[in-house]
Amino acid sequence: MIIEWLKFRVAAEKCEAFIRRDAEVWTAGLRDFPGFLGKEVWVNLEQNEVVFVIRWETREQWKSIPPSKLAELDREMGDLLMPLVECGEYFAEICG
């Protein structure tokens, strides 16, 4: 499994609408792709941050999403497209 980790800067007054639209656009759109396992939303109101933790079966499945589809989903966010301030990827490693 691999984790896609995204942090956005979101003004407090737009936070609820941003999370709702993201679920309608991005989460719904990602469900169509093989390997999508789920998504968690974490909010830090003091720092105006929203973090998405997206779980994928494999990196190859995640990265197979066509760039045109990613751009389409961004456009569908409309006025609630927020700046991405940090991103990363993590994979499970069995130690011990």
PDB file of N, CA and C in Angstrom:
ATOM      1  N   MET A   1       0.850  -1.177   0.000  1.00  0.00           N
ATOM      2  CA  MET A   1       0.000   0.000   0.000  1.00  0.00           C
ATOM      3  C   MET A   1       0.891   1.234   0.000  1.00  0.00           C
ATOM      4  N   ILE A   2       0.396   2.280  -0.633  1.00  0.00           N
ATOM      5  CA  ILE A   2       1.097   3.565  -0.651  1.00  0.00           C
ATOM      6  C   ILE A   2       0.118   4.660  -0.238  1.00  0.00           C
ATOM      7  N   ILE A   3       0.650   5.658   0.447  1.00  0.00           N
ATOM      8  CA  ILE A   3      -0.144   6.795   0.906  1.00  0.00           C
ATOM      9  C   ILE A   3       0.244   8.027   0.099  1.00  0.00           C
ATOM     10  N   GLU A   4      -0.755   8.688  -0.437  1.00  0.00           N
ATOM     11  CA  GLU A   4      -0.589  10.007  -1.056  1.00  0.00           C
ATOM     12  C   GLU A   4      -1.014  11.003   0.016  1.00  0.00           C
ATOM     13  N   TRP A   5      -0.135  11.946   0.335  1.00  0.00           N
ATOM     14  CA  TRP A   5      -0.365  12.887   1.436  1.00  0.00           C
ATOM     15  C   TRP A   5      -0.359  14.299   0.871  1.00  0.00           C
ATOM     16  N   LEU A   6      -1.459  15.039   1.053  1.00  0.00           N
ATOM     17  CA  LEU A   6      -1.613  16.387   0.492  1.00  0.00           C
ATOM     18  C   LEU A   6      -2.047  17.358   1.583  1.00  0.00           C
ATOM     19  N   LYS A   7      -1.352  18.490   1.679  1.00  0.00           N
ATOM     20  CA  LYS A   7      -1.734  19.525   2.647  1.00  0.00           C
ATOM     21  C   LYS A   7      -2.119  20.803   1.892  1.00  0.00           C
ATOM     22  N   PHE A   8      -3.281  21.340   2.237  1.00  0.00           N
ATOM     23  CA  PHE A   8      -3.796  22.554   1.614  1.00  0.00           C
ATOM     24  C   PHE A   8      -3.953  23.653   2.655  1.00  0.00           C
ATOM     25  N   ARG A   9      -3.761  24.895   2.240  1.00  0.00           N
ATOM     26  CA  ARG A   9      -4.053  26.060   3.073  1.00  0.00           C
ATOM     27  C   ARG A   9      -5.474  26.492   2.734  1.00  0.00           C
ATOM     28  N   VAL A  10      -6.357  26.510   3.754  1.00  0.00           N
ATOM     29  CA  VAL A  10      -7.770  26.807   3.538  1.00  0.00           C
ATOM     30  C   VAL A  10      -8.244  27.767   4.625  1.00  0.00           C
ATOM     31  N   ALA A  11      -8.763  28.906   4.221  1.00  0.00           N
ATOM     32  CA  ALA A  11      -9.313  29.865   5.179  1.00  0.00           C
ATOM     33  C   ALA A  11     -10.444  29.207   5.963  1.00  0.00           C
ATOM     34  N   ALA A  12     -10.543  29.535   7.234  1.00  0.00           N
ATOM     35  CA  ALA A  12     -11.526  28.894   8.129  1.00  0.00           C
ATOM     36  C   ALA A  12     -12.950  28.973   7.581  1.00  0.00           C
ATOM     37  N   GLU A  13     -13.309  30.096   6.997  1.00  0.00           N
ATOM     38  CA  GLU A  13     -14.677  30.265   6.509  1.00  0.00           C
ATOM     39  C   GLU A  13     -14.971  29.426   5.256  1.00  0.00           C
ATOM     40  N   LYS A  14     -13.937  28.899   4.601  1.00  0.00           N
ATOM     41  CA  LYS A  14     -14.132  28.067   3.410  1.00  0.00           C
ATOM     42  C   LYS A  14     -13.874  26.583   3.672  1.00  0.00           C
ATOM     43  N   CYS A  15     -13.457  26.247   4.864  1.00  0.00           N
ATOM     44  CA  CYS A  15     -13.027  24.886   5.172  1.00  0.00           C
ATOM     45  C   CYS A  15     -14.130  23.855   4.926  1.00  0.00           C
ATOM     46  N   GLU A  16     -15.285  24.062   5.471  1.00  0.00           N
ATOM     47  CA  GLU A  16     -16.372  23.096   5.329  1.00  0.00           C
ATOM     48  C   GLU A  16     -16.772  22.924   3.869  1.00  0.00           C
ATOM     49  N   ALA A  17     -16.896  24.037   3.146  1.00  0.00           N
ATOM     50  CA  ALA A  17     -17.269  23.969   1.730  1.00  0.00           C
ATOM     51  C   ALA A  17     -16.183  23.276   0.909  1.00  0.00           C
ATOM     52  N   PHE A  18     -14.911  23.544   1.221  1.00  0.00           N
ATOM     53  CA  PHE A  18     -13.798  22.910   0.521  1.00  0.00           C
ATOM     54  C   PHE A  18     -13.833  21.395   0.705  1.00  0.00           C
ATOM     55  N   ILE A  19     -14.005  20.943   1.931  1.00  0.00           N
ATOM     56  CA  ILE A  19     -14.033  19.508   2.218  1.00  0.00           C
ATOM     57  C   ILE A  19     -15.227  18.846   1.532  1.00  0.00           C
ATOM     58  N   ARG A  20     -16.365  19.488   1.557  1.00  0.00           N
ATOM     59  CA  ARG A  20     -17.561  18.937   0.918  1.00  0.00           C
ATOM     60  C   ARG A  20     -17.367  18.844  -0.605  1.00  0.00           C
ATOM     61  N   ARG A  21     -16.864  19.912  -1.225  1.00  0.00           N
ATOM     62  CA  ARG A  21     -16.663  19.882  -2.673  1.00  0.00           C
ATOM     63  C   ARG A  21     -15.593  18.866  -3.049  1.00  0.00           C
ATOM     64  N   ASP A  22     -14.538  18.761  -2.251  1.00  0.00           N
ATOM     65  CA  ASP A  22     -13.500  17.780  -2.538  1.00  0.00           C
ATOM     66  C   ASP A  22     -14.087  16.368  -2.543  1.00  0.00           C
ATOM     67  N   ALA A  23     -14.970  16.084  -1.592  1.00  0.00           N
ATOM     68  CA  ALA A  23     -15.603  14.753  -1.547  1.00  0.00           C
ATOM     69  C   ALA A  23     -16.446  14.516  -2.798  1.00  0.00           C
ATOM     70  N   GLU A  24     -17.173  15.537  -3.232  1.00  0.00           N
ATOM     71  CA  GLU A  24     -18.027  15.419  -4.404  1.00  0.00           C
ATOM     72  C   GLU A  24     -17.226  15.280  -5.692  1.00  0.00           C
ATOM     73  N   VAL A  25     -16.082  15.949  -5.759  1.00  0.00           N
ATOM     74  CA  VAL A  25     -15.293  15.988  -6.988  1.00  0.00           C
ATOM     75  C   VAL A  25     -14.163  14.966  -6.958  1.00  0.00           C
ATOM     76  N   TRP A  26     -13.199  15.176  -6.066  1.00  0.00           N
ATOM     77  CA  TRP A  26     -11.999  14.344  -6.070  1.00  0.00           C
ATOM     78  C   TRP A  26     -12.238  12.926  -5.561  1.00  0.00           C
ATOM     79  N   THR A  27     -12.855  12.805  -4.395  1.00  0.00           N
ATOM     80  CA  THR A  27     -13.056  11.464  -3.845  1.00  0.00           C
ATOM     81  C   THR A  27     -13.938  10.645  -4.777  1.00  0.00           C
ATOM     82  N   ALA A  28     -15.010  11.231  -5.248  1.00  0.00           N
ATOM     83  CA  ALA A  28     -15.899  10.521  -6.185  1.00  0.00           C
ATOM     84  C   ALA A  28     -15.150  10.176  -7.471  1.00  0.00           C
ATOM     85  N   GLY A  29     -14.327  11.078  -7.961  1.00  0.00           N
ATOM     86  CA  GLY A  29     -13.575  10.832  -9.191  1.00  0.00           C
ATOM     87  C   GLY A  29     -12.517   9.759  -9.040  1.00  0.00           C
ATOM     88  N   LEU A  30     -11.863   9.718  -7.896  1.00  0.00           N
ATOM     89  CA  LEU A  30     -10.813   8.718  -7.669  1.00  0.00           C
ATOM     90  C   LEU A  30     -11.376   7.321  -7.510  1.00  0.00           C
ATOM     91  N   ARG A  31     -12.599   7.211  -7.027  1.00  0.00           N
ATOM     92  CA  ARG A  31     -13.219   5.885  -6.837  1.00  0.00           C
ATOM     93  C   ARG A  31     -13.302   5.090  -8.133  1.00  0.00           C
ATOM     94  N   ASP A  32     -13.289   5.781  -9.266  1.00  0.00           N
ATOM     95  CA  ASP A  32     -13.377   5.118 -10.564  1.00  0.00           C
ATOM     96  C   ASP A  32     -12.081   4.419 -10.962  1.00  0.00           C
ATOM     97  N   PHE A  33     -11.000   4.687 -10.260  1.00  0.00           N
ATOM     98  CA  PHE A  33      -9.699   4.166 -10.666  1.00  0.00           C
ATOM     99  C   PHE A  33      -9.299   2.945  -9.852  1.00  0.00           C
ATOM    100  N   PRO A  34      -8.759   1.927 -10.547  1.00  0.00           N
ATOM    101  CA  PRO A  34      -8.287   0.736  -9.837  1.00  0.00           C
ATOM    102  C   PRO A  34      -7.211   1.105  -8.820  1.00  0.00           C
ATOM    103  N   GLY A  35      -7.256   0.468  -7.688  1.00  0.00           N
ATOM    104  CA  GLY A  35      -6.233   0.673  -6.673  1.00  0.00           C
ATOM    105  C   GLY A  35      -6.590   1.683  -5.607  1.00  0.00           C
ATOM    106  N   PHE A  36      -7.640   2.477  -5.821  1.00  0.00           N
ATOM    107  CA  PHE A  36      -8.048   3.455  -4.810  1.00  0.00           C
ATOM    108  C   PHE A  36      -8.665   2.713  -3.632  1.00  0.00           C
ATOM    109  N   LEU A  37      -8.097   2.898  -2.442  1.00  0.00           N
ATOM    110  CA  LEU A  37      -8.559   2.181  -1.253  1.00  0.00           C
ATOM    111  C   LEU A  37      -9.365   3.045  -0.291  1.00  0.00           C
ATOM    112  N   GLY A  38      -9.190   4.365  -0.360  1.00  0.00           N
ATOM    113  CA  GLY A  38      -9.929   5.231   0.545  1.00  0.00           C
ATOM    114  C   GLY A  38      -9.181   6.517   0.833  1.00  0.00           C
ATOM    115  N   LYS A  39      -9.834   7.362   1.610  1.00  0.00           N
ATOM    116  CA  LYS A  39      -9.294   8.696   1.866  1.00  0.00           C
ATOM    117  C   LYS A  39      -9.729   9.156   3.251  1.00  0.00           C
ATOM    118  N   GLU A  40      -8.807   9.805   3.953  1.00  0.00           N
ATOM    119  CA  GLU A  40      -9.102  10.424   5.243  1.00  0.00           C
ATOM    120  C   GLU A  40      -8.862  11.925   5.120  1.00  0.00           C
ATOM    121  N   VAL A  41      -9.602  12.692   5.902  1.00  0.00           N
ATOM    122  CA  VAL A  41      -9.451  14.149   5.927  1.00  0.00           C
ATOM    123  C   VAL A  41      -9.097  14.560   7.352  1.00  0.00           C
ATOM    124  N   TRP A  42      -8.006  15.309   7.487  1.00  0.00           N
ATOM    125  CA  TRP A  42      -7.548  15.811   8.781  1.00  0.00           C
ATOM    126  C   TRP A  42      -7.511  17.333   8.705  1.00  0.00           C
ATOM    127  N   VAL A  43      -8.022  17.995   9.745  1.00  0.00           N
ATOM    128  CA  VAL A  43      -8.135  19.455   9.746  1.00  0.00           C
ATOM    129  C   VAL A  43      -7.416  20.035  10.953  1.00  0.00           C
ATOM    130  N   ASN A  44      -6.614  21.070  10.713  1.00  0.00           N
ATOM    131  CA  ASN A  44      -5.975  21.840  11.773  1.00  0.00           C
ATOM    132  C   ASN A  44      -6.503  23.270  11.636  1.00  0.00           C
ATOM    133  N   LEU A  45      -7.541  23.596  12.402  1.00  0.00           N
ATOM    134  CA  LEU A  45      -8.179  24.908  12.299  1.00  0.00           C
ATOM    135  C   LEU A  45      -7.253  26.042  12.726  1.00  0.00           C
ATOM    136  N   GLU A  46      -6.373  25.780  13.689  1.00  0.00           N
ATOM    137  CA  GLU A  46      -5.458  26.824  14.158  1.00  0.00           C
ATOM    138  C   GLU A  46      -4.472  27.254  13.076  1.00  0.00           C
ATOM    139  N   GLN A  47      -4.104  26.319  12.202  1.00  0.00           N
ATOM    140  CA  GLN A  47      -3.141  26.612  11.140  1.00  0.00           C
ATOM    141  C   GLN A  47      -3.803  26.774   9.772  1.00  0.00           C
ATOM    142  N   ASN A  48      -5.139  26.710   9.719  1.00  0.00           N
ATOM    143  CA  ASN A  48      -5.873  26.779   8.448  1.00  0.00           C
ATOM    144  C   ASN A  48      -5.364  25.745   7.457  1.00  0.00           C
ATOM    145  N   GLU A  49      -5.212  24.502   7.923  1.00  0.00           N
ATOM    146  CA  GLU A  49      -4.699  23.429   7.086  1.00  0.00           C
ATOM    147  C   GLU A  49      -5.708  22.294   6.994  1.00  0.00           C
ATOM    148  N   VAL A  50      -5.784  21.729   5.803  1.00  0.00           N
ATOM    149  CA  VAL A  50      -6.549  20.506   5.570  1.00  0.00           C
ATOM    150  C   VAL A  50      -5.586  19.511   4.941  1.00  0.00           C
ATOM    151  N   VAL A  51      -5.507  18.322   5.523  1.00  0.00           N
ATOM    152  CA  VAL A  51      -4.618  17.275   5.021  1.00  0.00           C
ATOM    153  C   VAL A  51      -5.471  16.104   4.550  1.00  0.00           C
ATOM    154  N   PHE A  52      -5.174  15.636   3.340  1.00  0.00           N
ATOM    155  CA  PHE A  52      -5.815  14.443   2.801  1.00  0.00           C
ATOM    156  C   PHE A  52      -4.809  13.311   2.819  1.00  0.00           C
ATOM    157  N   VAL A  53      -5.219  12.177   3.346  1.00  0.00           N
ATOM    158  CA  VAL A  53      -4.420  10.956   3.353  1.00  0.00           C
ATOM    159  C   VAL A  53      -5.164   9.971   2.457  1.00  0.00           C
ATOM    160  N   ILE A  54      -4.596   9.707   1.284  1.00  0.00           N
ATOM    161  CA  ILE A  54      -5.256   8.883   0.277  1.00  0.00           C
ATOM    162  C   ILE A  54      -4.496   7.570   0.160  1.00  0.00           C
ATOM    163  N   ARG A  55      -5.214   6.470   0.290  1.00  0.00           N
ATOM    164  CA  ARG A  55      -4.595   5.146   0.264  1.00  0.00           C
ATOM    165  C   ARG A  55      -4.778   4.493  -1.103  1.00  0.00           C
ATOM    166  N   TRP A  56      -3.677   3.974  -1.628  1.00  0.00           N
ATOM    167  CA  TRP A  56      -3.651   3.270  -2.913  1.00  0.00           C
ATOM    168  C   TRP A  56      -3.042   1.893  -2.725  1.00  0.00           C
ATOM    169  N   GLU A  57      -3.502   0.926  -3.525  1.00  0.00           N
ATOM    170  CA  GLU A  57      -2.894  -0.410  -3.489  1.00  0.00           C
ATOM    171  C   GLU A  57      -1.430  -0.353  -3.916  1.00  0.00           C
ATOM    172  N   THR A  58      -1.159   0.314  -5.052  1.00  0.00           N
ATOM    173  CA  THR A  58       0.211   0.416  -5.560  1.00  0.00           C
ATOM    174  C   THR A  58       0.470   1.815  -6.098  1.00  0.00           C
ATOM    175  N   ARG A  59       1.740   2.171  -6.142  1.00  0.00           N
ATOM    176  CA  ARG A  59       2.135   3.458  -6.721  1.00  0.00           C
ATOM    177  C   ARG A  59       1.790   3.497  -8.212  1.00  0.00           C
ATOM    178  N   GLU A  60       1.952   2.380  -8.886  1.00  0.00           N
ATOM    179  CA  GLU A  60       1.675   2.313 -10.320  1.00  0.00           C
ATOM    180  C   GLU A  60       0.208   2.620 -10.612  1.00  0.00           C
ATOM    181  N   GLN A  61      -0.691   2.088  -9.781  1.00  0.00           N
ATOM    182  CA  GLN A  61      -2.114   2.376  -9.983  1.00  0.00           C
ATOM    183  C   GLN A  61      -2.403   3.854  -9.743  1.00  0.00           C
ATOM    184  N   TRP A  62      -1.832   4.415  -8.700  1.00  0.00           N
ATOM    185  CA  TRP A  62      -2.026   5.842  -8.402  1.00  0.00           C
ATOM    186  C   TRP A  62      -1.524   6.692  -9.552  1.00  0.00           C
ATOM    187  N   LYS A  63      -0.328   6.416 -10.019  1.00  0.00           N
ATOM    188  CA  LYS A  63       0.302   7.245 -11.048  1.00  0.00           C
ATOM    189  C   LYS A  63      -0.249   6.979 -12.446  1.00  0.00           C
ATOM    190  N   SER A  64      -1.139   5.990 -12.591  1.00  0.00           N
ATOM    191  CA  SER A  64      -1.708   5.702 -13.909  1.00  0.00           C
ATOM    192  C   SER A  64      -2.883   6.618 -14.255  1.00  0.00           C
ATOM    193  N   ILE A  65      -3.296   7.469 -13.338  1.00  0.00           N
ATOM    194  CA  ILE A  65      -4.402   8.400 -13.620  1.00  0.00           C
ATOM    195  C   ILE A  65      -3.919   9.393 -14.668  1.00  0.00           C
ATOM    196  N   PRO A  66      -4.648   9.528 -15.777  1.00  0.00           N
ATOM    197  CA  PRO A  66      -4.216  10.445 -16.832  1.00  0.00           C
ATOM    198  C   PRO A  66      -4.170  11.900 -16.345  1.00  0.00           C
ATOM    199  N   PRO A  67      -3.124  12.643 -16.732  1.00  0.00           N
ATOM    200  CA  PRO A  67      -3.041  14.057 -16.349  1.00  0.00           C
ATOM    201  C   PRO A  67      -4.276  14.852 -16.762  1.00  0.00           C
ATOM    202  N   SER A  68      -4.900  14.485 -17.875  1.00  0.00           N
ATOM    203  CA  SER A  68      -6.101  15.197 -18.317  1.00  0.00           C
ATOM    204  C   SER A  68      -7.242  15.027 -17.310  1.00  0.00           C
ATOM    205  N   LYS A  69      -7.318  13.850 -16.672  1.00  0.00           N
ATOM    206  CA  LYS A  69      -8.353  13.614 -15.649  1.00  0.00           C
ATOM    207  C   LYS A  69      -8.063  14.438 -14.405  1.00  0.00           C
ATOM    208  N   LEU A  70      -6.796  14.537 -14.014  1.00  0.00           N
ATOM    209  CA  LEU A  70      -6.415  15.352 -12.854  1.00  0.00           C
ATOM    210  C   LEU A  70      -6.782  16.813 -13.092  1.00  0.00           C
ATOM    211  N   ALA A  71      -6.488  17.314 -14.295  1.00  0.00           N
ATOM    212  CA  ALA A  71      -6.817  18.705 -14.629  1.00  0.00           C
ATOM    213  C   ALA A  71      -8.329  18.922 -14.629  1.00  0.00           C
ATOM    214  N   GLU A  72      -9.070  17.952 -15.131  1.00  0.00           N
ATOM    215  CA  GLU A  72     -10.533  18.038 -15.143  1.00  0.00           C
ATOM    216  C   GLU A  72     -11.081  18.147 -13.718  1.00  0.00           C
ATOM    217  N   LEU A  73     -10.576  17.321 -12.814  1.00  0.00           N
ATOM    218  CA  LEU A  73     -11.045  17.355 -11.433  1.00  0.00           C
ATOM    219  C   LEU A  73     -10.673  18.679 -10.766  1.00  0.00           C
ATOM    220  N   ASP A  74      -9.492  19.193 -11.037  1.00  0.00           N
ATOM    221  CA  ASP A  74      -9.117  20.515 -10.519  1.00  0.00           C
ATOM    222  C   ASP A  74     -10.095  21.583 -10.997  1.00  0.00           C
ATOM    223  N   ARG A  75     -10.439  21.554 -12.284  1.00  0.00           N
ATOM    224  CA  ARG A  75     -11.380  22.547 -12.822  1.00  0.00           C
ATOM    225  C   ARG A  75     -12.736  22.446 -12.130  1.00  0.00           C
ATOM    226  N   GLU A  76     -13.163  21.225 -11.826  1.00  0.00           N
ATOM    227  CA  GLU A  76     -14.457  21.027 -11.170  1.00  0.00           C
ATOM    228  C   GLU A  76     -14.475  21.588  -9.747  1.00  0.00           C
ATOM    229  N   MET A  77     -13.307  21.792  -9.146  1.00  0.00           N
ATOM    230  CA  MET A  77     -13.258  22.405  -7.805  1.00  0.00           C
ATOM    231  C   MET A  77     -13.659  23.870  -7.872  1.00  0.00           C
ATOM    232  N   GLY A  78     -13.533  24.484  -9.045  1.00  0.00           N
ATOM    233  CA  GLY A  78     -13.969  25.861  -9.259  1.00  0.00           C
ATOM    234  C   GLY A  78     -13.342  26.833  -8.280  1.00  0.00           C
ATOM    235  N   ASP A  79     -14.176  27.655  -7.661  1.00  0.00           N
ATOM    236  CA  ASP A  79     -13.696  28.700  -6.752  1.00  0.00           C
ATOM    237  C   ASP A  79     -13.147  28.126  -5.446  1.00  0.00           C
ATOM    238  N   LEU A  80     -13.273  26.820  -5.242  1.00  0.00           N
ATOM    239  CA  LEU A  80     -12.751  26.200  -4.024  1.00  0.00           C
ATOM    240  C   LEU A  80     -11.461  25.417  -4.275  1.00  0.00           C
ATOM    241  N   LEU A  81     -10.806  25.674  -5.395  1.00  0.00           N
ATOM    242  CA  LEU A  81      -9.486  25.095  -5.642  1.00  0.00           C
ATOM    243  C   LEU A  81      -8.500  25.862  -4.765  1.00  0.00           C
ATOM    244  N   MET A  82      -7.918  25.196  -3.795  1.00  0.00           N
ATOM    245  CA  MET A  82      -7.038  25.826  -2.807  1.00  0.00           C
ATOM    246  C   MET A  82      -5.577  25.500  -3.092  1.00  0.00           C
ATOM    247  N   PRO A  83      -4.678  26.352  -2.582  1.00  0.00           N
ATOM    248  CA  PRO A  83      -3.250  26.103  -2.829  1.00  0.00           C
ATOM    249  C   PRO A  83      -2.729  24.881  -2.079  1.00  0.00           C
ATOM    250  N   LEU A  84      -2.034  24.045  -2.809  1.00  0.00           N
ATOM    251  CA  LEU A  84      -1.353  22.898  -2.229  1.00  0.00           C
ATOM    252  C   LEU A  84      -0.043  23.415  -1.640  1.00  0.00           C
ATOM    253  N   VAL A  85       0.171  23.189  -0.345  1.00  0.00           N
ATOM    254  CA  VAL A  85       1.375  23.718   0.302  1.00  0.00           C
ATOM    255  C   VAL A  85       2.419  22.651   0.590  1.00  0.00           C
ATOM    256  N   GLU A  86       1.990  21.389   0.559  1.00  0.00           N
ATOM    257  CA  GLU A  86       2.934  20.310   0.828  1.00  0.00           C
ATOM    258  C   GLU A  86       2.342  19.003   0.318  1.00  0.00           C
ATOM    259  N   CYS A  87       3.193  18.113  -0.171  1.00  0.00           N
ATOM    260  CA  CYS A  87       2.715  16.805  -0.596  1.00  0.00           C
ATOM    261  C   CYS A  87       3.820  15.778  -0.392  1.00  0.00           C
ATOM    262  N   GLY A  88       3.422  14.524  -0.352  1.00  0.00           N
ATOM    263  CA  GLY A  88       4.397  13.465  -0.181  1.00  0.00           C
ATOM    264  C   GLY A  88       3.772  12.123  -0.439  1.00  0.00           C
ATOM    265  N   GLU A  89       4.612  11.113  -0.426  1.00  0.00           N
ATOM    266  CA  GLU A  89       4.127   9.747  -0.571  1.00  0.00           C
ATOM    267  C   GLU A  89       4.878   8.866   0.405  1.00  0.00           C
ATOM    268  N   TYR A  90       4.154   7.913   0.946  1.00  0.00           N
ATOM    269  CA  TYR A  90       4.698   7.013   1.955  1.00  0.00           C
ATOM    270  C   TYR A  90       4.270   5.596   1.612  1.00  0.00           C
ATOM    271  N   PHE A  91       5.117   4.630   1.896  1.00  0.00           N
ATOM    272  CA  PHE A  91       4.760   3.245   1.666  1.00  0.00           C
ATOM    273  C   PHE A  91       4.984   2.437   2.919  1.00  0.00           C
ATOM    274  N   ALA A  92       4.253   1.357   3.029  1.00  0.00           N
ATOM    275  CA  ALA A  92       4.350   0.485   4.188  1.00  0.00           C
ATOM    276  C   ALA A  92       5.597  -0.376   4.065  1.00  0.00           C
ATOM    277  N   GLU A  93       6.342  -0.458   5.129  1.00  0.00           N
ATOM    278  CA  GLU A  93       7.540  -1.298   5.192  1.00  0.00           C
ATOM    279  C   GLU A  93       7.438  -2.120   6.462  1.00  0.00           C
ATOM    280  N   ILE A  94       7.589  -3.396   6.328  1.00  0.00           N
ATOM    281  CA  ILE A  94       7.523  -4.282   7.479  1.00  0.00           C
ATOM    282  C   ILE A  94       8.934  -4.377   8.084  1.00  0.00           C
ATOM    283  N   CYS A  95       9.049  -3.980   9.310  1.00  0.00           N
ATOM    284  CA  CYS A  95      10.338  -4.021   9.997  1.00  0.00           C
ATOM    285  C   CYS A  95      10.262  -5.030  11.144  1.00  0.00           C
ATOM    286  N   GLY A  96      11.369  -5.664  11.406  1.00  0.00           N
ATOM    287  CA  GLY A  96      11.430  -6.459  12.603  1.00  0.00           C
ATOM    288  C   GLY A  96      11.373  -7.904  12.425  1.00  0.00           C
TER     289      GLY A  96
END
